[in-house]
Amino acid sequence: KRNGYIAKHNGAVNCVAFDPKDKDGELVVSGGDDKVIKLVNRRTGTTVWTLETNTEIKSVAFTRDGAMLAAGGSDGTVRVWTVAVRSRPVEKGTLTGHSGYVYSVAFSPD
């Protein structure tokens, strides 16, 4: 029995994270080599929003409260968005300086 799924990407899916604002555990963000980040309801397959970027997405992470999302890319950048409930994210900034792919991102709990 299938317990959910992620909407298809046009390439490898490199990372996923559950949206902590969704207490039912149904909303999952995914990022991939197609340079796209998607928030999807894993039970229905419905895409809530899609972000097109200019780099392959290698890592994603939410803050503990789900108010912010970070994504690491193959271009050595980390992009950060604010994320309101069921709303399209708003880009807050880009961190640069890595010399290679950003395979992991995380927020400090404080």
PDB file of N, CA and C in Angstrom:
ATOM      1  N   LYS A   1       0.844  -1.186   0.000  1.00  0.00           N
ATOM      2  CA  LYS A   1       0.000   0.000   0.000  1.00  0.00           C
ATOM      3  C   LYS A   1       0.885   1.243   0.000  1.00  0.00           C
ATOM      4  N   ARG A   2       0.600   2.160  -0.880  1.00  0.00           N
ATOM      5  CA  ARG A   2       1.353   3.406  -0.966  1.00  0.00           C
ATOM      6  C   ARG A   2       0.922   4.330   0.171  1.00  0.00           C
ATOM      7  N   ASN A   3       1.919   4.927   0.842  1.00  0.00           N
ATOM      8  CA  ASN A   3       1.648   5.826   1.964  1.00  0.00           C
ATOM      9  C   ASN A   3       1.937   7.273   1.586  1.00  0.00           C
ATOM     10  N   GLY A   4       1.909   7.586   0.318  1.00  0.00           N
ATOM     11  CA  GLY A   4       2.147   8.960  -0.120  1.00  0.00           C
ATOM     12  C   GLY A   4       3.198   9.003  -1.203  1.00  0.00           C
ATOM     13  N   TYR A   5       3.373  10.181  -1.784  1.00  0.00           N
ATOM     14  CA  TYR A   5       4.341  10.337  -2.853  1.00  0.00           C
ATOM     15  C   TYR A   5       4.696  11.804  -3.025  1.00  0.00           C
ATOM     16  N   ILE A   6       5.765  12.019  -3.743  1.00  0.00           N
ATOM     17  CA  ILE A   6       6.244  13.363  -4.060  1.00  0.00           C
ATOM     18  C   ILE A   6       5.955  13.614  -5.538  1.00  0.00           C
ATOM     19  N   ALA A   7       5.502  14.822  -5.866  1.00  0.00           N
ATOM     20  CA  ALA A   7       5.266  15.168  -7.265  1.00  0.00           C
ATOM     21  C   ALA A   7       6.565  15.018  -8.042  1.00  0.00           C
ATOM     22  N   LYS A   8       6.452  14.567  -9.257  1.00  0.00           N
ATOM     23  CA  LYS A   8       7.631  14.290 -10.060  1.00  0.00           C
ATOM     24  C   LYS A   8       8.449  15.538 -10.352  1.00  0.00           C
ATOM     25  N   HIS A   9       9.754  15.337 -10.312  1.00  0.00           N
ATOM     26  CA  HIS A   9      10.716  16.329 -10.772  1.00  0.00           C
ATOM     27  C   HIS A   9      11.220  15.850 -12.128  1.00  0.00           C
ATOM     28  N   ASN A  10      11.785  16.754 -12.890  1.00  0.00           N
ATOM     29  CA  ASN A  10      12.382  16.390 -14.180  1.00  0.00           C
ATOM     30  C   ASN A  10      13.870  16.136 -13.988  1.00  0.00           C
ATOM     31  N   GLY A  11      14.177  15.186 -13.148  1.00  0.00           N
ATOM     32  CA  GLY A  11      15.546  14.841 -12.806  1.00  0.00           C
ATOM     33  C   GLY A  11      15.558  14.226 -11.424  1.00  0.00           C
ATOM     34  N   ALA A  12      16.755  14.006 -10.903  1.00  0.00           N
ATOM     35  CA  ALA A  12      16.899  13.387  -9.592  1.00  0.00           C
ATOM     36  C   ALA A  12      16.334  14.287  -8.497  1.00  0.00           C
ATOM     37  N   VAL A  13      15.689  13.669  -7.504  1.00  0.00           N
ATOM     38  CA  VAL A  13      15.274  14.361  -6.284  1.00  0.00           C
ATOM     39  C   VAL A  13      16.395  14.149  -5.276  1.00  0.00           C
ATOM     40  N   ASN A  14      16.984  15.239  -4.808  1.00  0.00           N
ATOM     41  CA  ASN A  14      18.152  15.157  -3.939  1.00  0.00           C
ATOM     42  C   ASN A  14      17.840  15.322  -2.459  1.00  0.00           C
ATOM     43  N   CYS A  15      16.698  15.908  -2.137  1.00  0.00           N
ATOM     44  CA  CYS A  15      16.438  16.225  -0.736  1.00  0.00           C
ATOM     45  C   CYS A  15      14.945  16.419  -0.497  1.00  0.00           C
ATOM     46  N   VAL A  16      14.524  16.103   0.719  1.00  0.00           N
ATOM     47  CA  VAL A  16      13.145  16.320   1.139  1.00  0.00           C
ATOM     48  C   VAL A  16      13.138  16.751   2.603  1.00  0.00           C
ATOM     49  N   ALA A  17      12.098  17.475   2.994  1.00  0.00           N
ATOM     50  CA  ALA A  17      11.906  17.866   4.393  1.00  0.00           C
ATOM     51  C   ALA A  17      10.421  18.057   4.642  1.00  0.00           C
ATOM     52  N   PHE A  18       9.960  17.626   5.806  1.00  0.00           N
ATOM     53  CA  PHE A  18       8.573  17.846   6.182  1.00  0.00           C
ATOM     54  C   PHE A  18       8.389  19.277   6.657  1.00  0.00           C
ATOM     55  N   ASP A  19       7.264  19.887   6.303  1.00  0.00           N
ATOM     56  CA  ASP A  19       6.933  21.241   6.740  1.00  0.00           C
ATOM     57  C   ASP A  19       6.472  21.171   8.194  1.00  0.00           C
ATOM     58  N   PRO A  20       7.228  21.757   9.136  1.00  0.00           N
ATOM     59  CA  PRO A  20       6.850  21.646  10.545  1.00  0.00           C
ATOM     60  C   PRO A  20       5.564  22.384  10.919  1.00  0.00           C
ATOM     61  N   LYS A  21       5.082  23.284  10.051  1.00  0.00           N
ATOM     62  CA  LYS A  21       3.809  23.965  10.327  1.00  0.00           C
ATOM     63  C   LYS A  21       2.630  23.025  10.151  1.00  0.00           C
ATOM     64  N   ASP A  22       2.823  21.959   9.389  1.00  0.00           N
ATOM     65  CA  ASP A  22       1.762  20.994   9.096  1.00  0.00           C
ATOM     66  C   ASP A  22       1.814  19.864  10.114  1.00  0.00           C
ATOM     67  N   LYS A  23       0.976  19.930  11.109  1.00  0.00           N
ATOM     68  CA  LYS A  23       0.995  18.955  12.209  1.00  0.00           C
ATOM     69  C   LYS A  23       0.544  17.558  11.779  1.00  0.00           C
ATOM     70  N   ASP A  24      -0.092  17.438  10.607  1.00  0.00           N
ATOM     71  CA  ASP A  24      -0.513  16.132  10.107  1.00  0.00           C
ATOM     72  C   ASP A  24       0.587  15.409   9.337  1.00  0.00           C
ATOM     73  N   GLY A  25       1.690  16.092   9.070  1.00  0.00           N
ATOM     74  CA  GLY A  25       2.804  15.476   8.351  1.00  0.00           C
ATOM     75  C   GLY A  25       2.527  15.198   6.898  1.00  0.00           C
ATOM     76  N   GLU A  26       1.630  15.954   6.304  1.00  0.00           N
ATOM     77  CA  GLU A  26       1.270  15.711   4.911  1.00  0.00           C
ATOM     78  C   GLU A  26       2.032  16.582   3.922  1.00  0.00           C
ATOM     79  N   LEU A  27       2.586  17.716   4.374  1.00  0.00           N
ATOM     80  CA  LEU A  27       3.269  18.628   3.455  1.00  0.00           C
ATOM     81  C   LEU A  27       4.774  18.384   3.477  1.00  0.00           C
ATOM     82  N   VAL A  28       5.315  18.124   2.296  1.00  0.00           N
ATOM     83  CA  VAL A  28       6.726  17.808   2.144  1.00  0.00           C
ATOM     84  C   VAL A  28       7.319  18.688   1.057  1.00  0.00           C
ATOM     85  N   VAL A  29       8.485  19.275   1.343  1.00  0.00           N
ATOM     86  CA  VAL A  29       9.194  20.050   0.330  1.00  0.00           C
ATOM     87  C   VAL A  29      10.270  19.140  -0.268  1.00  0.00           C
ATOM     88  N   SER A  30      10.499  19.269  -1.571  1.00  0.00           N
ATOM     89  CA  SER A  30      11.532  18.476  -2.243  1.00  0.00           C
ATOM     90  C   SER A  30      12.311  19.375  -3.188  1.00  0.00           C
ATOM     91  N   GLY A  31      13.566  19.025  -3.396  1.00  0.00           N
ATOM     92  CA  GLY A  31      14.421  19.777  -4.311  1.00  0.00           C
ATOM     93  C   GLY A  31      15.201  18.821  -5.183  1.00  0.00           C
ATOM     94  N   GLY A  32      15.503  19.260  -6.401  1.00  0.00           N
ATOM     95  CA  GLY A  32      16.171  18.332  -7.305  1.00  0.00           C
ATOM     96  C   GLY A  32      17.075  18.958  -8.334  1.00  0.00           C
ATOM     97  N   ASP A  33      17.600  18.065  -9.177  1.00  0.00           N
ATOM     98  CA  ASP A  33      18.508  18.484 -10.241  1.00  0.00           C
ATOM     99  C   ASP A  33      17.823  19.321 -11.312  1.00  0.00           C
ATOM    100  N   ASP A  34      16.492  19.367 -11.298  1.00  0.00           N
ATOM    101  CA  ASP A  34      15.762  20.180 -12.275  1.00  0.00           C
ATOM    102  C   ASP A  34      15.684  21.652 -11.855  1.00  0.00           C
ATOM    103  N   LYS A  35      16.381  21.996 -10.750  1.00  0.00           N
ATOM    104  CA  LYS A  35      16.455  23.378 -10.255  1.00  0.00           C
ATOM    105  C   LYS A  35      15.124  23.865  -9.697  1.00  0.00           C
ATOM    106  N   VAL A  36      14.308  22.939  -9.218  1.00  0.00           N
ATOM    107  CA  VAL A  36      12.978  23.255  -8.720  1.00  0.00           C
ATOM    108  C   VAL A  36      12.842  22.790  -7.275  1.00  0.00           C
ATOM    109  N   ILE A  37      12.133  23.605  -6.482  1.00  0.00           N
ATOM    110  CA  ILE A  37      11.728  23.244  -5.124  1.00  0.00           C
ATOM    111  C   ILE A  37      10.210  23.210  -5.129  1.00  0.00           C
ATOM    112  N   LYS A  38       9.635  22.113  -4.583  1.00  0.00           N
ATOM    113  CA  LYS A  38       8.172  21.969  -4.565  1.00  0.00           C
ATOM    114  C   LYS A  38       7.697  21.656  -3.157  1.00  0.00           C
ATOM    115  N   LEU A  39       6.577  22.252  -2.783  1.00  0.00           N
ATOM    116  CA  LEU A  39       5.863  21.846  -1.579  1.00  0.00           C
ATOM    117  C   LEU A  39       4.652  21.063  -2.048  1.00  0.00           C
ATOM    118  N   VAL A  40       4.546  19.825  -1.577  1.00  0.00           N
ATOM    119  CA  VAL A  40       3.523  18.908  -2.069  1.00  0.00           C
ATOM    120  C   VAL A  40       2.797  18.263  -0.900  1.00  0.00           C
ATOM    121  N   ASN A  41       1.492  18.060  -1.063  1.00  0.00           N
ATOM    122  CA  ASN A  41       0.732  17.248  -0.117  1.00  0.00           C
ATOM    123  C   ASN A  41       1.016  15.798  -0.494  1.00  0.00           C
ATOM    124  N   ARG A  42       1.716  15.083   0.367  1.00  0.00           N
ATOM    125  CA  ARG A  42       2.154  13.728   0.025  1.00  0.00           C
ATOM    126  C   ARG A  42       1.013  12.725  -0.045  1.00  0.00           C
ATOM    127  N   ARG A  43      -0.099  13.029   0.542  1.00  0.00           N
ATOM    128  CA  ARG A  43      -1.254  12.113   0.491  1.00  0.00           C
ATOM    129  C   ARG A  43      -2.011  12.237  -0.831  1.00  0.00           C
ATOM    130  N   THR A  44      -2.180  13.489  -1.304  1.00  0.00           N
ATOM    131  CA  THR A  44      -2.976  13.715  -2.514  1.00  0.00           C
ATOM    132  C   THR A  44      -2.131  13.915  -3.768  1.00  0.00           C
ATOM    133  N   GLY A  45      -0.857  14.261  -3.581  1.00  0.00           N
ATOM    134  CA  GLY A  45      -0.001  14.564  -4.722  1.00  0.00           C
ATOM    135  C   GLY A  45      -0.156  15.975  -5.238  1.00  0.00           C
ATOM    136  N   THR A  46      -0.984  16.779  -4.583  1.00  0.00           N
ATOM    137  CA  THR A  46      -1.227  18.154  -5.011  1.00  0.00           C
ATOM    138  C   THR A  46      -0.024  19.035  -4.697  1.00  0.00           C
ATOM    139  N   THR A  47       0.427  19.790  -5.692  1.00  0.00           N
ATOM    140  CA  THR A  47       1.513  20.736  -5.492  1.00  0.00           C
ATOM    141  C   THR A  47       0.942  22.024  -4.915  1.00  0.00           C
ATOM    142  N   VAL A  48       1.451  22.448  -3.754  1.00  0.00           N
ATOM    143  CA  VAL A  48       0.999  23.676  -3.101  1.00  0.00           C
ATOM    144  C   VAL A  48       1.684  24.877  -3.739  1.00  0.00           C
ATOM    145  N   TRP A  49       3.010  24.780  -3.935  1.00  0.00           N
ATOM    146  CA  TRP A  49       3.748  25.812  -4.653  1.00  0.00           C
ATOM    147  C   TRP A  49       5.023  25.220  -5.242  1.00  0.00           C
ATOM    148  N   THR A  50       5.550  25.928  -6.230  1.00  0.00           N
ATOM    149  CA  THR A  50       6.787  25.545  -6.905  1.00  0.00           C
ATOM    150  C   THR A  50       7.686  26.766  -7.003  1.00  0.00           C
ATOM    151  N   LEU A  51       8.968  26.573  -6.701  1.00  0.00           N
ATOM    152  CA  LEU A  51       9.964  27.628  -6.867  1.00  0.00           C
ATOM    153  C   LEU A  51      10.965  27.180  -7.922  1.00  0.00           C
ATOM    154  N   GLU A  52      11.133  27.971  -8.951  1.00  0.00           N
ATOM    155  CA  GLU A  52      12.152  27.680  -9.949  1.00  0.00           C
ATOM    156  C   GLU A  52      13.389  28.486  -9.603  1.00  0.00           C
ATOM    157  N   THR A  53      14.532  27.806  -9.534  1.00  0.00           N
ATOM    158  CA  THR A  53      15.790  28.463  -9.202  1.00  0.00           C
ATOM    159  C   THR A  53      16.735  28.361 -10.387  1.00  0.00           C
ATOM    160  N   ASN A  54      17.945  28.896 -10.227  1.00  0.00           N
ATOM    161  CA  ASN A  54      18.922  28.815 -11.316  1.00  0.00           C
ATOM    162  C   ASN A  54      20.045  27.847 -10.983  1.00  0.00           C
ATOM    163  N   THR A  55      19.794  26.942 -10.023  1.00  0.00           N
ATOM    164  CA  THR A  55      20.810  25.959  -9.638  1.00  0.00           C
ATOM    165  C   THR A  55      20.154  24.648  -9.235  1.00  0.00           C
ATOM    166  N   GLU A  56      20.873  23.557  -9.396  1.00  0.00           N
ATOM    167  CA  GLU A  56      20.385  22.273  -8.906  1.00  0.00           C
ATOM    168  C   GLU A  56      20.286  22.354  -7.387  1.00  0.00           C
ATOM    169  N   ILE A  57      19.202  21.865  -6.832  1.00  0.00           N
ATOM    170  CA  ILE A  57      18.983  21.920  -5.387  1.00  0.00           C
ATOM    171  C   ILE A  57      19.514  20.628  -4.759  1.00  0.00           C
ATOM    172  N   LYS A  58      20.458  20.791  -3.833  1.00  0.00           N
ATOM    173  CA  LYS A  58      21.106  19.640  -3.193  1.00  0.00           C
ATOM    174  C   LYS A  58      20.656  19.417  -1.757  1.00  0.00           C
ATOM    175  N   SER A  59      20.072  20.449  -1.110  1.00  0.00           N
ATOM    176  CA  SER A  59      19.652  20.307   0.282  1.00  0.00           C
ATOM    177  C   SER A  59      18.565  21.318   0.607  1.00  0.00           C
ATOM    178  N   VAL A  60      17.670  20.951   1.510  1.00  0.00           N
ATOM    179  CA  VAL A  60      16.620  21.850   1.988  1.00  0.00           C
ATOM    180  C   VAL A  60      16.432  21.648   3.485  1.00  0.00           C
ATOM    181  N   ALA A  61      16.015  22.710   4.171  1.00  0.00           N
ATOM    182  CA  ALA A  61      15.712  22.619   5.607  1.00  0.00           C
ATOM    183  C   ALA A  61      14.781  23.753   5.994  1.00  0.00           C
ATOM    184  N   PHE A  62      13.871  23.443   6.910  1.00  0.00           N
ATOM    185  CA  PHE A  62      12.995  24.442   7.519  1.00  0.00           C
ATOM    186  C   PHE A  62      13.539  24.827   8.887  1.00  0.00           C
ATOM    187  N   THR A  63      13.194  26.036   9.340  1.00  0.00           N
ATOM    188  CA  THR A  63      13.389  26.362  10.744  1.00  0.00           C
ATOM    189  C   THR A  63      12.428  25.510  11.554  1.00  0.00           C
ATOM    190  N   ARG A  64      12.662  25.414  12.846  1.00  0.00           N
ATOM    191  CA  ARG A  64      11.823  24.579  13.713  1.00  0.00           C
ATOM    192  C   ARG A  64      10.350  24.951  13.615  1.00  0.00           C
ATOM    193  N   ASP A  65      10.053  26.259  13.485  1.00  0.00           N
ATOM    194  CA  ASP A  65       8.661  26.706  13.403  1.00  0.00           C
ATOM    195  C   ASP A  65       8.127  26.740  11.973  1.00  0.00           C
ATOM    196  N   GLY A  66       8.979  26.416  11.003  1.00  0.00           N
ATOM    197  CA  GLY A  66       8.555  26.390   9.611  1.00  0.00           C
ATOM    198  C   GLY A  66       8.427  27.750   8.961  1.00  0.00           C
ATOM    199  N   ALA A  67       8.885  28.806   9.633  1.00  0.00           N
ATOM    200  CA  ALA A  67       8.742  30.163   9.097  1.00  0.00           C
ATOM    201  C   ALA A  67       9.760  30.482   8.016  1.00  0.00           C
ATOM    202  N   MET A  68      10.853  29.721   7.970  1.00  0.00           N
ATOM    203  CA  MET A  68      11.882  29.959   6.961  1.00  0.00           C
ATOM    204  C   MET A  68      12.323  28.642   6.343  1.00  0.00           C
ATOM    205  N   LEU A  69      12.738  28.739   5.078  1.00  0.00           N
ATOM    206  CA  LEU A  69      13.234  27.596   4.321  1.00  0.00           C
ATOM    207  C   LEU A  69      14.578  27.974   3.727  1.00  0.00           C
ATOM    208  N   ALA A  70      15.546  27.080   3.818  1.00  0.00           N
ATOM    209  CA  ALA A  70      16.847  27.286   3.183  1.00  0.00           C
ATOM    210  C   ALA A  70      17.072  26.171   2.175  1.00  0.00           C
ATOM    211  N   ALA A  71      17.782  26.503   1.103  1.00  0.00           N
ATOM    212  CA  ALA A  71      18.117  25.514   0.085  1.00  0.00           C
ATOM    213  C   ALA A  71      19.554  25.709  -0.353  1.00  0.00           C
ATOM    214  N   GLY A  72      20.310  24.621  -0.357  1.00  0.00           N
ATOM    215  CA  GLY A  72      21.687  24.645  -0.836  1.00  0.00           C
ATOM    216  C   GLY A  72      21.746  24.187  -2.278  1.00  0.00           C
ATOM    217  N   GLY A  73      22.595  24.837  -3.060  1.00  0.00           N
ATOM    218  CA  GLY A  73      22.645  24.543  -4.484  1.00  0.00           C
ATOM    219  C   GLY A  73      23.986  24.081  -5.001  1.00  0.00           C
ATOM    220  N   SER A  74      23.974  23.623  -6.239  1.00  0.00           N
ATOM    221  CA  SER A  74      25.196  23.169  -6.899  1.00  0.00           C
ATOM    222  C   SER A  74      26.107  24.328  -7.277  1.00  0.00           C
ATOM    223  N   ASP A  75      25.593  25.556  -7.184  1.00  0.00           N
ATOM    224  CA  ASP A  75      26.403  26.732  -7.503  1.00  0.00           C
ATOM    225  C   ASP A  75      27.121  27.298  -6.275  1.00  0.00           C
ATOM    226  N   GLY A  76      27.056  26.597  -5.155  1.00  0.00           N
ATOM    227  CA  GLY A  76      27.741  27.038  -3.949  1.00  0.00           C
ATOM    228  C   GLY A  76      26.996  28.075  -3.133  1.00  0.00           C
ATOM    229  N   THR A  77      25.717  28.285  -3.436  1.00  0.00           N
ATOM    230  CA  THR A  77      24.932  29.273  -2.694  1.00  0.00           C
ATOM    231  C   THR A  77      23.909  28.588  -1.789  1.00  0.00           C
ATOM    232  N   VAL A  78      23.462  29.360  -0.790  1.00  0.00           N
ATOM    233  CA  VAL A  78      22.339  28.965   0.051  1.00  0.00           C
ATOM    234  C   VAL A  78      21.318  30.084  -0.059  1.00  0.00           C
ATOM    235  N   ARG A  79      20.122  29.744  -0.502  1.00  0.00           N
ATOM    236  CA  ARG A  79      19.046  30.730  -0.610  1.00  0.00           C
ATOM    237  C   ARG A  79      18.087  30.531   0.557  1.00  0.00           C
ATOM    238  N   VAL A  80      17.540  31.649   1.060  1.00  0.00           N
ATOM    239  CA  VAL A  80      16.651  31.608   2.209  1.00  0.00           C
ATOM    240  C   VAL A  80      15.350  32.329   1.865  1.00  0.00           C
ATOM    241  N   TRP A  81      14.224  31.701   2.230  1.00  0.00           N
ATOM    242  CA  TRP A  81      12.893  32.265   2.002  1.00  0.00           C
ATOM    243  C   TRP A  81      12.123  32.295   3.317  1.00  0.00           C
ATOM    244  N   THR A  82      11.192  33.239   3.444  1.00  0.00           N
ATOM    245  CA  THR A  82      10.185  33.161   4.503  1.00  0.00           C
ATOM    246  C   THR A  82       9.007  32.399   3.917  1.00  0.00           C
ATOM    247  N   VAL A  83       8.346  31.607   4.776  1.00  0.00           N
ATOM    248  CA  VAL A  83       7.260  30.748   4.311  1.00  0.00           C
ATOM    249  C   VAL A  83       6.072  30.897   5.253  1.00  0.00           C
ATOM    250  N   ALA A  84       4.992  31.471   4.760  1.00  0.00           N
ATOM    251  CA  ALA A  84       3.753  31.563   5.533  1.00  0.00           C
ATOM    252  C   ALA A  84       2.882  30.350   5.197  1.00  0.00           C
ATOM    253  N   VAL A  85       1.928  30.041   6.046  1.00  0.00           N
ATOM    254  CA  VAL A  85       1.053  28.891   5.832  1.00  0.00           C
ATOM    255  C   VAL A  85       0.338  29.009   4.487  1.00  0.00           C
ATOM    256  N   ARG A  86       0.495  27.959   3.682  1.00  0.00           N
ATOM    257  CA  ARG A  86      -0.181  27.847   2.368  1.00  0.00           C
ATOM    258  C   ARG A  86       0.080  29.038   1.443  1.00  0.00           C
ATOM    259  N   SER A  87       1.170  29.767   1.670  1.00  0.00           N
ATOM    260  CA  SER A  87       1.510  30.907   0.815  1.00  0.00           C
ATOM    261  C   SER A  87       2.826  30.645   0.102  1.00  0.00           C
ATOM    262  N   ARG A  88       2.977  31.288  -1.009  1.00  0.00           N
ATOM    263  CA  ARG A  88       4.212  31.174  -1.773  1.00  0.00           C
ATOM    264  C   ARG A  88       5.352  31.823  -0.986  1.00  0.00           C
ATOM    265  N   PRO A  89       6.516  31.181  -0.909  1.00  0.00           N
ATOM    266  CA  PRO A  89       7.647  31.733  -0.176  1.00  0.00           C
ATOM    267  C   PRO A  89       8.133  33.055  -0.764  1.00  0.00           C
ATOM    268  N   VAL A  90       8.729  33.872   0.097  1.00  0.00           N
ATOM    269  CA  VAL A  90       9.299  35.155  -0.298  1.00  0.00           C
ATOM    270  C   VAL A  90      10.794  35.077  -0.040  1.00  0.00           C
ATOM    271  N   GLU A  91      11.595  35.280  -1.088  1.00  0.00           N
ATOM    272  CA  GLU A  91      13.048  35.177  -0.937  1.00  0.00           C
ATOM    273  C   GLU A  91      13.576  36.295  -0.054  1.00  0.00           C
ATOM    274  N   LYS A  92      14.410  35.916   0.929  1.00  0.00           N
ATOM    275  CA  LYS A  92      14.987  36.877   1.872  1.00  0.00           C
ATOM    276  C   LYS A  92      16.441  37.179   1.563  1.00  0.00           C
ATOM    277  N   GLY A  93      17.137  36.243   0.930  1.00  0.00           N
ATOM    278  CA  GLY A  93      18.540  36.507   0.635  1.00  0.00           C
ATOM    279  C   GLY A  93      19.272  35.285   0.139  1.00  0.00           C
ATOM    280  N   THR A  94      20.518  35.522  -0.262  1.00  0.00           N
ATOM    281  CA  THR A  94      21.387  34.467  -0.761  1.00  0.00           C
ATOM    282  C   THR A  94      22.729  34.559  -0.057  1.00  0.00           C
ATOM    283  N   LEU A  95      23.192  33.433   0.443  1.00  0.00           N
ATOM    284  CA  LEU A  95      24.503  33.350   1.070  1.00  0.00           C
ATOM    285  C   LEU A  95      25.473  32.758   0.057  1.00  0.00           C
ATOM    286  N   THR A  96      26.603  33.404  -0.123  1.00  0.00           N
ATOM    287  CA  THR A  96      27.587  32.951  -1.107  1.00  0.00           C
ATOM    288  C   THR A  96      28.908  32.648  -0.411  1.00  0.00           C
ATOM    289  N   GLY A  97      29.846  32.099  -1.159  1.00  0.00           N
ATOM    290  CA  GLY A  97      31.182  31.885  -0.636  1.00  0.00           C
ATOM    291  C   GLY A  97      31.642  30.440  -0.619  1.00  0.00           C
ATOM    292  N   HIS A  98      30.736  29.493  -0.814  1.00  0.00           N
ATOM    293  CA  HIS A  98      31.155  28.096  -0.877  1.00  0.00           C
ATOM    294  C   HIS A  98      31.829  27.831  -2.217  1.00  0.00           C
ATOM    295  N   SER A  99      32.832  26.976  -2.214  1.00  0.00           N
ATOM    296  CA  SER A  99      33.555  26.694  -3.451  1.00  0.00           C
ATOM    297  C   SER A  99      33.004  25.483  -4.190  1.00  0.00           C
ATOM    298  N   GLY A 100      32.011  24.817  -3.609  1.00  0.00           N
ATOM    299  CA  GLY A 100      31.422  23.646  -4.253  1.00  0.00           C
ATOM    300  C   GLY A 100      29.955  23.525  -3.921  1.00  0.00           C
ATOM    301  N   TYR A 101      29.400  22.370  -4.221  1.00  0.00           N
ATOM    302  CA  TYR A 101      27.992  22.110  -3.937  1.00  0.00           C
ATOM    303  C   TYR A 101      27.708  22.258  -2.441  1.00  0.00           C
ATOM    304  N   VAL A 102      26.490  22.691  -2.104  1.00  0.00           N
ATOM    305  CA  VAL A 102      26.060  22.762  -0.706  1.00  0.00           C
ATOM    306  C   VAL A 102      25.134  21.577  -0.469  1.00  0.00           C
ATOM    307  N   TYR A 103      25.702  20.516   0.103  1.00  0.00           N
ATOM    308  CA  TYR A 103      24.971  19.267   0.291  1.00  0.00           C
ATOM    309  C   TYR A 103      24.145  19.221   1.564  1.00  0.00           C
ATOM    310  N   SER A 104      24.322  20.186   2.446  1.00  0.00           N
ATOM    311  CA  SER A 104      23.574  20.170   3.701  1.00  0.00           C
ATOM    312  C   SER A 104      23.321  21.596   4.188  1.00  0.00           C
ATOM    313  N   VAL A 105      22.106  21.837   4.640  1.00  0.00           N
ATOM    314  CA  VAL A 105      21.754  23.113   5.275  1.00  0.00           C
ATOM    315  C   VAL A 105      20.971  22.801   6.544  1.00  0.00           C
ATOM    316  N   ALA A 106      21.101  23.691   7.533  1.00  0.00           N
ATOM    317  CA  ALA A 106      20.380  23.506   8.794  1.00  0.00           C
ATOM    318  C   ALA A 106      20.269  24.861   9.481  1.00  0.00           C
ATOM    319  N   PHE A 107      19.268  24.994  10.317  1.00  0.00           N
ATOM    320  CA  PHE A 107      19.093  26.196  11.130  1.00  0.00           C
ATOM    321  C   PHE A 107      19.428  25.849  12.569  1.00  0.00           C
ATOM    322  N   SER A 108      20.006  26.800  13.286  1.00  0.00           N
ATOM    323  CA  SER A 108      20.239  26.650  14.704  1.00  0.00           C
ATOM    324  C   SER A 108      18.899  26.670  15.432  1.00  0.00           C
ATOM    325  N   PRO A 109      18.708  25.837  16.443  1.00  0.00           N
ATOM    326  CA  PRO A 109      17.429  25.820  17.146  1.00  0.00           C
ATOM    327  C   PRO A 109      17.136  27.109  17.916  1.00  0.00           C
ATOM    328  N   ASP A 110      18.119  27.929  18.145  1.00  0.00           N
ATOM    329  CA  ASP A 110      17.875  29.184  18.861  1.00  0.00           C
ATOM    330  C   ASP A 110      17.975  30.327  17.900  1.00  0.00           C
TER     331      ASP A 110
END
